[in-house]
C-alpha atoms as a PDB file:
ATOM      1  CA  MET A   1     -28.839  -7.020 -51.649  1.00  0.00           C
ATOM      2  CA  SER A   2     -27.054  -4.451 -49.490  1.00  0.00           C
ATOM      3  CA  ARG A   3     -24.999  -5.455 -46.474  1.00  0.00           C
ATOM      4  CA  SER A   4     -23.988  -3.859 -43.176  1.00  0.00           C
ATOM      5  CA  ILE A   5     -20.785  -4.470 -41.260  1.00  0.00           C
ATOM      6  CA  THR A   6     -20.560  -3.559 -37.581  1.00  0.00           C
ATOM      7  CA  MET A   7     -17.294  -3.753 -35.655  1.00  0.00           C
ATOM      8  CA  ALA A   8     -15.817  -2.382 -32.434  1.00  0.00           C
ATOM      9  CA  PHE A   9     -12.194  -1.603 -31.638  1.00  0.00           C
ATOM     10  CA  PRO A  10     -10.874  -0.965 -28.115  1.00  0.00           C
ATOM     11  CA  HIS A  11      -8.332   1.811 -27.634  1.00  0.00           C
ATOM     12  CA  ASP A  12      -6.651   3.776 -24.870  1.00  0.00           C
ATOM     13  CA  LEU A  13      -5.824   6.928 -26.819  1.00  0.00           C
ATOM     14  CA  GLY A  14      -8.561   9.196 -25.484  1.00  0.00           C
ATOM     15  CA  VAL A  15     -11.283  10.657 -27.681  1.00  0.00           C
ATOM     16  CA  PRO A  16      -9.374  13.671 -29.136  1.00  0.00           C
ATOM     17  CA  GLU A  17      -6.342  11.585 -30.188  1.00  0.00           C
ATOM     18  CA  ALA A  18      -8.520   8.785 -31.611  1.00  0.00           C
ATOM     19  CA  LYS A  19     -10.504  11.325 -33.673  1.00  0.00           C
ATOM     20  CA  LYS A  20      -7.277  12.930 -34.910  1.00  0.00           C
ATOM     21  CA  ARG A  21      -5.865   9.580 -36.005  1.00  0.00           C
ATOM     22  CA  ILE A  22      -9.102   8.544 -37.714  1.00  0.00           C
ATOM     23  CA  SER A  23      -9.146  11.829 -39.658  1.00  0.00           C
ATOM     24  CA  GLU A  24      -5.482  11.448 -40.647  1.00  0.00           C
ATOM     25  CA  ARG A  25      -5.981   7.849 -41.781  1.00  0.00           C
ATOM     26  CA  PHE A  26      -9.067   8.837 -43.775  1.00  0.00           C
ATOM     27  CA  GLU A  27      -7.138  11.569 -45.596  1.00  0.00           C
ATOM     28  CA  MET A  28      -4.272   9.172 -46.339  1.00  0.00           C
ATOM     29  CA  LEU A  29      -6.605   6.479 -47.723  1.00  0.00           C
ATOM     30  CA  LYS A  30      -8.589   9.063 -49.640  1.00  0.00           C
ATOM     31  CA  SER A  31      -5.516  10.440 -51.407  1.00  0.00           C
ATOM     32  CA  GLN A  32      -3.982   7.015 -52.079  1.00  0.00           C
ATOM     33  CA  TYR A  33      -7.066   5.132 -53.229  1.00  0.00           C
ATOM     34  CA  ILE A  34     -10.493   6.710 -53.182  1.00  0.00           C
ATOM     35  CA  ASP A  35      -9.735   9.893 -55.131  1.00  0.00           C
ATOM     36  CA  LYS A  36      -8.382   7.736 -57.974  1.00  0.00           C
ATOM     37  CA  VAL A  37     -11.752   6.019 -58.534  1.00  0.00           C
ATOM     38  CA  GLY A  38     -14.384   8.146 -56.841  1.00  0.00           C
ATOM     39  CA  HIS A  39     -15.162  10.622 -54.106  1.00  0.00           C
ATOM     40  CA  ALA A  40     -15.238  10.474 -50.291  1.00  0.00           C
ATOM     41  CA  GLU A  41     -16.014  12.820 -47.444  1.00  0.00           C
ATOM     42  CA  LEU A  42     -15.807  12.637 -43.665  1.00  0.00           C
ATOM     43  CA  VAL A  43     -17.882  14.943 -41.461  1.00  0.00           C
ATOM     44  CA  TRP A  44     -17.588  15.048 -37.666  1.00  0.00           C
ATOM     45  CA  VAL A  45     -20.656  15.796 -35.531  1.00  0.00           C
ATOM     46  CA  GLY A  46     -19.350  15.768 -31.990  1.00  0.00           C
ATOM     47  CA  ASP A  47     -17.595  12.445 -31.475  1.00  0.00           C
ATOM     48  CA  ILE A  48     -19.370  10.744 -34.381  1.00  0.00           C
ATOM     49  CA  ALA A  49     -17.896  10.726 -37.884  1.00  0.00           C
ATOM     50  CA  HIS A  50     -20.164  10.293 -40.888  1.00  0.00           C
ATOM     51  CA  LEU A  51     -18.395   8.923 -43.934  1.00  0.00           C
ATOM     52  CA  ARG A  52     -19.673   8.706 -47.493  1.00  0.00           C
ATOM     53  CA  ALA A  53     -17.675   7.224 -50.366  1.00  0.00           C
ATOM     54  CA  SER A  54     -18.747   6.681 -53.941  1.00  0.00           C
ATOM     55  CA  ALA A  55     -17.149   4.853 -56.839  1.00  0.00           C
ATOM     56  CA  ILE A  56     -18.360   3.085 -59.981  1.00  0.00           C
ATOM     57  CA  GLY A  57     -21.845   4.459 -59.464  1.00  0.00           C
ATOM     58  CA  GLN A  58     -22.188   3.006 -55.959  1.00  0.00           C
ATOM     59  CA  SER A  59     -22.196   4.839 -52.603  1.00  0.00           C
ATOM     60  CA  ALA A  60     -21.183   3.363 -49.262  1.00  0.00           C
ATOM     61  CA  THR A  61     -21.778   5.072 -45.939  1.00  0.00           C
ATOM     62  CA  ALA A  62     -20.311   4.587 -42.494  1.00  0.00           C
ATOM     63  CA  GLN A  63     -20.680   5.935 -39.003  1.00  0.00           C
ATOM     64  CA  ILE A  64     -17.731   5.939 -36.619  1.00  0.00           C
ATOM     65  CA  ASP A  65     -18.627   6.519 -32.964  1.00  0.00           C
ATOM     66  CA  VAL A  66     -15.576   7.424 -30.874  1.00  0.00           C
ATOM     67  CA  GLU A  67     -15.964   6.649 -27.173  1.00  0.00           C
ATOM     68  CA  PRO A  68     -13.292   6.985 -24.455  1.00  0.00           C
ATOM     69  CA  ALA A  69     -12.226   3.316 -24.654  1.00  0.00           C
ATOM     70  CA  ASN A  70     -13.955   1.982 -27.765  1.00  0.00           C
ATOM     71  CA  ILE A  71     -14.586   2.879 -31.381  1.00  0.00           C
ATOM     72  CA  LYS A  72     -17.726   1.518 -33.011  1.00  0.00           C
ATOM     73  CA  VAL A  73     -17.901   1.359 -36.792  1.00  0.00           C
ATOM     74  CA  GLU A  74     -20.984   0.617 -38.855  1.00  0.00           C
ATOM     75  CA  ILE A  75     -20.625   0.419 -42.630  1.00  0.00           C
ATOM     76  CA  HIS A  76     -23.472   0.119 -45.129  1.00  0.00           C
ATOM     77  CA  LEU A  77     -22.484  -1.346 -48.498  1.00  0.00           C
ATOM     78  CA  PRO A  78     -24.778  -1.195 -51.549  1.00  0.00           C
ATOM     79  CA  TRP A  79     -25.565  -4.406 -53.387  1.00  0.00           C
ATOM     80  CA  LEU A  80     -22.647  -4.255 -55.831  1.00  0.00           C
ATOM     81  CA  LEU A  81     -20.065  -3.670 -53.104  1.00  0.00           C
ATOM     82  CA  ALA A  82     -21.716  -6.126 -50.668  1.00  0.00           C
ATOM     83  CA  ALA A  83     -19.996  -8.973 -52.517  1.00  0.00           C
ATOM     84  CA  MET A  84     -16.690  -7.543 -51.265  1.00  0.00           C
ATOM     85  CA  ALA A  85     -17.783  -7.328 -47.597  1.00  0.00           C
ATOM     86  CA  GLY A  86     -15.107  -9.791 -46.448  1.00  0.00           C
ATOM     87  CA  LYS A  87     -12.368  -7.754 -48.075  1.00  0.00           C
ATOM     88  CA  VAL A  88     -13.793  -4.521 -46.614  1.00  0.00           C
ATOM     89  CA  GLU A  89     -13.809  -6.119 -43.136  1.00  0.00           C
ATOM     90  CA  GLY A  90     -10.181  -7.173 -43.498  1.00  0.00           C
ATOM     91  CA  LEU A  91      -9.116  -3.703 -44.632  1.00  0.00           C
ATOM     92  CA  LEU A  92     -11.036  -2.117 -41.776  1.00  0.00           C
ATOM     93  CA  LYS A  93      -9.380  -4.384 -39.202  1.00  0.00           C
ATOM     94  CA  SER A  94      -5.855  -3.793 -40.493  1.00  0.00           C
ATOM     95  CA  ASN A  95      -6.343  -0.026 -40.776  1.00  0.00           C
ATOM     96  CA  ALA A  96      -7.907   0.164 -37.310  1.00  0.00           C
ATOM     97  CA  ARG A  97      -4.995  -1.754 -35.777  1.00  0.00           C
ATOM     98  CA  GLU A  98      -2.480   0.523 -37.473  1.00  0.00           C
ATOM     99  CA  THR A  99      -4.375   3.733 -36.701  1.00  0.00           C
ATOM    100  CA  LEU A 100      -5.002   2.985 -33.032  1.00  0.00           C
ATOM    101  CA  ARG A 101      -1.529   1.665 -32.264  1.00  0.00           C
ATOM    102  CA  ILE A 102       0.294   3.677 -29.645  1.00  0.00           C
ATOM    103  CA  GLY A 103       3.329   5.501 -30.986  1.00  0.00           C
ATOM    104  CA  THR A 104       2.569   5.783 -34.692  1.00  0.00           C
ATOM    105  CA  THR A 105      -0.240   6.411 -37.134  1.00  0.00           C
ATOM    106  CA  ARG A 106       1.634   5.417 -40.294  1.00  0.00           C
ATOM    107  CA  LYS A 107       3.225   2.253 -41.593  1.00  0.00           C
ATOM    108  CA  VAL A 108       7.006   2.362 -41.468  1.00  0.00           C
END
């Protein structure tokens, strides 16, 4: 059975900076992890990012809605990846904290 994860993250970066950081983080994660096992793409339509990632024959999708003070994330995991929903949530939280932190977008 598939599973959806919905989360929201407050920020005070402004929409353009938040979008920039999300795009940078996506490219970093893509090159470090996703490209080694599959494929991923991120497409912006206004202030909404549509993400699609595939690996081991499974595709996950996400929508990231960037608002002036909040970022809403909705991820849809196929049945095989749904078993790892807790791990995906943890990774999302830690990456969001790091990405939205004032002053840096990368771990030091």
